[in-house]
Every structure is written in structure tokens, then in C-alpha cells.
Amino acid sequence: MKIKVEVTADEMAEMGADTVAELEEALRHQLDNCTDDEGGAGVDWMVSYDIEIVPVEA
């Protein structure tokens, strides 16, 4: 699975990410550690994925 995120510099700053790598790390943490209704972690039930962060103009 490929997850593509288009993000402006202002949005990155709002999320506390100074770099694309920091945002990617934060998103991976969120996805891998989310839980389903039965308490399973995302890392346990999601298929493998790639994240593509694309900086865009506002």
C-alpha cells in the first residue's frame, strides 16, 4: 500500500515537523500504534506500506 501525503510548510509547522523525515516518522508512529476495536495495534493488522510526503505550495 502506498500512502501519499501532500502538505504545505505551514501545515508541517503546525504539526511540529521541521522536515519531511520528521513528519514521515510521526505518521508511521501514528499508523503503527493506532488500535482497532479489539485492541490490536496497526502494526499487527495493516499491510506493509510506503509513505510519500510531497511538499506543496499553499
PDB file of N, CA and C in Angstrom:
ATOM      1  N   MET A   1       0.856  -1.153   0.000  1.00  0.00           N
ATOM      2  CA  MET A   1       0.000   0.000   0.000  1.00  0.00           C
ATOM      3  C   MET A   1       0.909   1.224   0.000  1.00  0.00           C
ATOM      4  N   LYS A   2       0.484   2.251  -0.713  1.00  0.00           N
ATOM      5  CA  LYS A   2       1.230   3.500  -0.731  1.00  0.00           C
ATOM      6  C   LYS A   2       0.330   4.607  -0.199  1.00  0.00           C
ATOM      7  N   ILE A   3       0.850   5.357   0.745  1.00  0.00           N
ATOM      8  CA  ILE A   3       0.127   6.483   1.322  1.00  0.00           C
ATOM      9  C   ILE A   3       0.847   7.746   0.879  1.00  0.00           C
ATOM     10  N   LYS A   4       0.135   8.609   0.178  1.00  0.00           N
ATOM     11  CA  LYS A   4       0.726   9.857  -0.306  1.00  0.00           C
ATOM     12  C   LYS A   4       0.105  11.010   0.472  1.00  0.00           C
ATOM     13  N   VAL A   5       0.971  11.856   1.028  1.00  0.00           N
ATOM     14  CA  VAL A   5       0.518  12.996   1.817  1.00  0.00           C
ATOM     15  C   VAL A   5       1.059  14.263   1.180  1.00  0.00           C
ATOM     16  N   GLU A   6       0.164  15.157   0.791  1.00  0.00           N
ATOM     17  CA  GLU A   6       0.565  16.462   0.289  1.00  0.00           C
ATOM     18  C   GLU A   6       0.424  17.445   1.442  1.00  0.00           C
ATOM     19  N   VAL A   7       1.487  18.193   1.714  1.00  0.00           N
ATOM     20  CA  VAL A   7       1.500  19.039   2.901  1.00  0.00           C
ATOM     21  C   VAL A   7       2.223  20.352   2.598  1.00  0.00           C
ATOM     22  N   THR A   8       1.684  21.445   3.120  1.00  0.00           N
ATOM     23  CA  THR A   8       2.337  22.745   2.967  1.00  0.00           C
ATOM     24  C   THR A   8       3.316  22.950   4.116  1.00  0.00           C
ATOM     25  N   ALA A   9       4.197  23.920   3.952  1.00  0.00           N
ATOM     26  CA  ALA A   9       5.155  24.253   5.014  1.00  0.00           C
ATOM     27  C   ALA A   9       4.417  24.690   6.277  1.00  0.00           C
ATOM     28  N   ASP A  10       3.330  25.447   6.123  1.00  0.00           N
ATOM     29  CA  ASP A  10       2.547  25.881   7.285  1.00  0.00           C
ATOM     30  C   ASP A  10       1.933  24.689   8.016  1.00  0.00           C
ATOM     31  N   GLU A  11       1.430  23.714   7.270  1.00  0.00           N
ATOM     32  CA  GLU A  11       0.846  22.523   7.893  1.00  0.00           C
ATOM     33  C   GLU A  11       1.907  21.723   8.635  1.00  0.00           C
ATOM     34  N   MET A  12       3.088  21.603   8.023  1.00  0.00           N
ATOM     35  CA  MET A  12       4.177  20.888   8.700  1.00  0.00           C
ATOM     36  C   MET A  12       4.539  21.590  10.000  1.00  0.00           C
ATOM     37  N   ALA A  13       4.630  22.914   9.961  1.00  0.00           N
ATOM     38  CA  ALA A  13       4.965  23.680  11.163  1.00  0.00           C
ATOM     39  C   ALA A  13       3.886  23.501  12.227  1.00  0.00           C
ATOM     40  N   GLU A  14       2.626  23.491  11.804  1.00  0.00           N
ATOM     41  CA  GLU A  14       1.510  23.304  12.735  1.00  0.00           C
ATOM     42  C   GLU A  14       1.594  21.955  13.445  1.00  0.00           C
ATOM     43  N   MET A  15       2.123  20.960  12.749  1.00  0.00           N
ATOM     44  CA  MET A  15       2.256  19.616  13.321  1.00  0.00           C
ATOM     45  C   MET A  15       3.588  19.425  14.032  1.00  0.00           C
ATOM     46  N   GLY A  16       4.405  20.476  14.075  1.00  0.00           N
ATOM     47  CA  GLY A  16       5.672  20.405  14.798  1.00  0.00           C
ATOM     48  C   GLY A  16       6.776  19.677  14.062  1.00  0.00           C
ATOM     49  N   ALA A  17       6.638  19.541  12.750  1.00  0.00           N
ATOM     50  CA  ALA A  17       7.656  18.854  11.951  1.00  0.00           C
ATOM     51  C   ALA A  17       8.490  19.885  11.198  1.00  0.00           C
ATOM     52  N   ASP A  18       9.792  19.828  11.391  1.00  0.00           N
ATOM     53  CA  ASP A  18      10.694  20.741  10.688  1.00  0.00           C
ATOM     54  C   ASP A  18      11.132  20.189   9.339  1.00  0.00           C
ATOM     55  N   THR A  19      11.050  18.870   9.185  1.00  0.00           N
ATOM     56  CA  THR A  19      11.487  18.234   7.940  1.00  0.00           C
ATOM     57  C   THR A  19      10.472  17.184   7.501  1.00  0.00           C
ATOM     58  N   VAL A  20      10.576  16.808   6.238  1.00  0.00           N
ATOM     59  CA  VAL A  20       9.732  15.738   5.700  1.00  0.00           C
ATOM     60  C   VAL A  20       9.989  14.442   6.467  1.00  0.00           C
ATOM     61  N   ALA A  21      11.243  14.182   6.804  1.00  0.00           N
ATOM     62  CA  ALA A  21      11.589  12.957   7.543  1.00  0.00           C
ATOM     63  C   ALA A  21      10.914  12.923   8.912  1.00  0.00           C
ATOM     64  N   GLU A  22      10.865  14.071   9.592  1.00  0.00           N
ATOM     65  CA  GLU A  22      10.192  14.127  10.901  1.00  0.00           C
ATOM     66  C   GLU A  22       8.704  13.846  10.758  1.00  0.00           C
ATOM     67  N   LEU A  23       8.076  14.409   9.730  1.00  0.00           N
ATOM     68  CA  LEU A  23       6.652  14.174   9.517  1.00  0.00           C
ATOM     69  C   LEU A  23       6.400  12.709   9.183  1.00  0.00           C
ATOM     70  N   GLU A  24       7.241  12.134   8.341  1.00  0.00           N
ATOM     71  CA  GLU A  24       7.087  10.717   7.997  1.00  0.00           C
ATOM     72  C   GLU A  24       7.201   9.844   9.242  1.00  0.00           C
ATOM     73  N   GLU A  25       8.163  10.137  10.088  1.00  0.00           N
ATOM     74  CA  GLU A  25       8.337   9.368  11.323  1.00  0.00           C
ATOM     75  C   GLU A  25       7.098   9.476  12.213  1.00  0.00           C
ATOM     76  N   ALA A  26       6.553  10.685  12.342  1.00  0.00           N
ATOM     77  CA  ALA A  26       5.355  10.884  13.167  1.00  0.00           C
ATOM     78  C   ALA A  26       4.162  10.129  12.589  1.00  0.00           C
ATOM     79  N   LEU A  27       3.995  10.170  11.282  1.00  0.00           N
ATOM     80  CA  LEU A  27       2.882   9.457  10.651  1.00  0.00           C
ATOM     81  C   LEU A  27       3.024   7.949  10.820  1.00  0.00           C
ATOM     82  N   ARG A  28       4.238   7.430  10.637  1.00  0.00           N
ATOM     83  CA  ARG A  28       4.464   5.990  10.845  1.00  0.00           C
ATOM     84  C   ARG A  28       4.112   5.588  12.281  1.00  0.00           C
ATOM     85  N   HIS A  29       4.520   6.416  13.235  1.00  0.00           N
ATOM     86  CA  HIS A  29       4.209   6.132  14.639  1.00  0.00           C
ATOM     87  C   HIS A  29       2.694   6.083  14.842  1.00  0.00           C
ATOM     88  N   GLN A  30       1.978   7.063  14.284  1.00  0.00           N
ATOM     89  CA  GLN A  30       0.520   7.094  14.425  1.00  0.00           C
ATOM     90  C   GLN A  30      -0.123   5.856  13.809  1.00  0.00           C
ATOM     91  N   LEU A  31       0.274   5.527  12.589  1.00  0.00           N
ATOM     92  CA  LEU A  31      -0.325   4.376  11.904  1.00  0.00           C
ATOM     93  C   LEU A  31       0.006   3.058  12.596  1.00  0.00           C
ATOM     94  N   ASP A  32       1.251   2.893  12.991  1.00  0.00           N
ATOM     95  CA  ASP A  32       1.674   1.634  13.598  1.00  0.00           C
ATOM     96  C   ASP A  32       1.091   1.431  14.989  1.00  0.00           C
ATOM     97  N   ASN A  33       0.740   2.517  15.660  1.00  0.00           N
ATOM     98  CA  ASN A  33       0.286   2.406  17.041  1.00  0.00           C
ATOM     99  C   ASN A  33      -1.195   2.683  17.244  1.00  0.00           C
ATOM    100  N   CYS A  34      -1.937   2.922  16.143  1.00  0.00           N
ATOM    101  CA  CYS A  34      -3.380   3.078  16.303  1.00  0.00           C
ATOM    102  C   CYS A  34      -3.958   1.716  16.702  1.00  0.00           C
ATOM    103  N   THR A  35      -5.104   1.728  17.320  1.00  0.00           N
ATOM    104  CA  THR A  35      -5.708   0.465  17.738  1.00  0.00           C
ATOM    105  C   THR A  35      -7.063   0.277  17.079  1.00  0.00           C
ATOM    106  N   ASP A  36      -7.414  -0.985  16.867  1.00  0.00           N
ATOM    107  CA  ASP A  36      -8.731  -1.282  16.331  1.00  0.00           C
ATOM    108  C   ASP A  36      -9.697  -1.522  17.492  1.00  0.00           C
ATOM    109  N   ASP A  37     -10.931  -1.844  17.180  1.00  0.00           N
ATOM    110  CA  ASP A  37     -11.957  -2.030  18.211  1.00  0.00           C
ATOM    111  C   ASP A  37     -11.630  -3.153  19.187  1.00  0.00           C
ATOM    112  N   GLU A  38     -10.779  -4.089  18.758  1.00  0.00           N
ATOM    113  CA  GLU A  38     -10.436  -5.221  19.614  1.00  0.00           C
ATOM    114  C   GLU A  38      -9.099  -5.039  20.312  1.00  0.00           C
ATOM    115  N   GLY A  39      -8.501  -3.850  20.172  1.00  0.00           N
ATOM    116  CA  GLY A  39      -7.250  -3.564  20.862  1.00  0.00           C
ATOM    117  C   GLY A  39      -5.988  -3.915  20.104  1.00  0.00           C
ATOM    118  N   GLY A  40      -6.127  -4.402  18.872  1.00  0.00           N
ATOM    119  CA  GLY A  40      -4.942  -4.724  18.073  1.00  0.00           C
ATOM    120  C   GLY A  40      -4.269  -3.464  17.555  1.00  0.00           C
ATOM    121  N   ALA A  41      -2.958  -3.464  17.544  1.00  0.00           N
ATOM    122  CA  ALA A  41      -2.205  -2.310  17.048  1.00  0.00           C
ATOM    123  C   ALA A  41      -2.150  -2.333  15.527  1.00  0.00           C
ATOM    124  N   GLY A  42      -2.050  -1.146  14.931  1.00  0.00           N
ATOM    125  CA  GLY A  42      -1.983  -1.036  13.482  1.00  0.00           C
ATOM    126  C   GLY A  42      -0.871  -1.862  12.873  1.00  0.00           C
ATOM    127  N   VAL A  43       0.261  -1.906  13.556  1.00  0.00           N
ATOM    128  CA  VAL A  43       1.396  -2.674  13.048  1.00  0.00           C
ATOM    129  C   VAL A  43       1.038  -4.160  12.929  1.00  0.00           C
ATOM    130  N   ASP A  44       0.064  -4.619  13.697  1.00  0.00           N
ATOM    131  CA  ASP A  44      -0.329  -6.026  13.672  1.00  0.00           C
ATOM    132  C   ASP A  44      -1.316  -6.356  12.554  1.00  0.00           C
ATOM    133  N   TRP A  45      -2.164  -5.416  12.172  1.00  0.00           N
ATOM    134  CA  TRP A  45      -3.199  -5.749  11.200  1.00  0.00           C
ATOM    135  C   TRP A  45      -3.077  -5.036   9.858  1.00  0.00           C
ATOM    136  N   MET A  46      -2.265  -3.982   9.768  1.00  0.00           N
ATOM    137  CA  MET A  46      -2.117  -3.282   8.488  1.00  0.00           C
ATOM    138  C   MET A  46      -1.137  -4.019   7.584  1.00  0.00           C
ATOM    139  N   VAL A  47      -1.393  -3.957   6.283  1.00  0.00           N
ATOM    140  CA  VAL A  47      -0.420  -4.483   5.326  1.00  0.00           C
ATOM    141  C   VAL A  47       0.773  -3.533   5.310  1.00  0.00           C
ATOM    142  N   SER A  48       1.889  -3.983   4.767  1.00  0.00           N
ATOM    143  CA  SER A  48       3.057  -3.102   4.715  1.00  0.00           C
ATOM    144  C   SER A  48       2.724  -1.889   3.845  1.00  0.00           C
ATOM    145  N   TYR A  49       3.376  -0.784   4.132  1.00  0.00           N
ATOM    146  CA  TYR A  49       3.058   0.448   3.411  1.00  0.00           C
ATOM    147  C   TYR A  49       4.298   1.307   3.233  1.00  0.00           C
ATOM    148  N   ASP A  50       4.223   2.158   2.223  1.00  0.00           N
ATOM    149  CA  ASP A  50       5.218   3.195   1.988  1.00  0.00           C
ATOM    150  C   ASP A  50       4.506   4.523   2.158  1.00  0.00           C
ATOM    151  N   ILE A  51       5.208   5.494   2.706  1.00  0.00           N
ATOM    152  CA  ILE A  51       4.653   6.838   2.840  1.00  0.00           C
ATOM    153  C   ILE A  51       5.449   7.765   1.940  1.00  0.00           C
ATOM    154  N   GLU A  52       4.735   8.541   1.141  1.00  0.00           N
ATOM    155  CA  GLU A  52       5.367   9.559   0.304  1.00  0.00           C
ATOM    156  C   GLU A  52       4.858  10.917   0.774  1.00  0.00           C
ATOM    157  N   ILE A  53       5.759  11.752   1.259  1.00  0.00           N
ATOM    158  CA  ILE A  53       5.412  13.103   1.688  1.00  0.00           C
ATOM    159  C   ILE A  53       5.773  14.046   0.547  1.00  0.00           C
ATOM    160  N   VAL A  54       4.797  14.807   0.074  1.00  0.00           N
ATOM    161  CA  VAL A  54       5.019  15.722  -1.039  1.00  0.00           C
ATOM    162  C   VAL A  54       4.767  17.149  -0.566  1.00  0.00           C
ATOM    163  N   PRO A  55       5.822  17.952  -0.451  1.00  0.00           N
ATOM    164  CA  PRO A  55       5.632  19.358  -0.088  1.00  0.00           C
ATOM    165  C   PRO A  55       4.925  20.095  -1.237  1.00  0.00           C
ATOM    166  N   VAL A  56       3.912  20.879  -0.896  1.00  0.00           N
ATOM    167  CA  VAL A  56       3.173  21.661  -1.893  1.00  0.00           C
ATOM    168  C   VAL A  56       3.098  23.109  -1.441  1.00  0.00           C
ATOM    169  N   GLU A  57       2.836  23.987  -2.378  1.00  0.00           N
ATOM    170  CA  GLU A  57       2.644  25.403  -2.058  1.00  0.00           C
ATOM    171  C   GLU A  57       1.240  25.604  -1.504  1.00  0.00           C
ATOM    172  N   ALA A  58       1.091  26.581  -0.641  1.00  0.00           N
ATOM    173  CA  ALA A  58      -0.221  26.865  -0.031  1.00  0.00           C
ATOM    174  C   ALA A  58      -1.191  27.413  -1.046  1.00  0.00           C
TER     175      ALA A  58
END
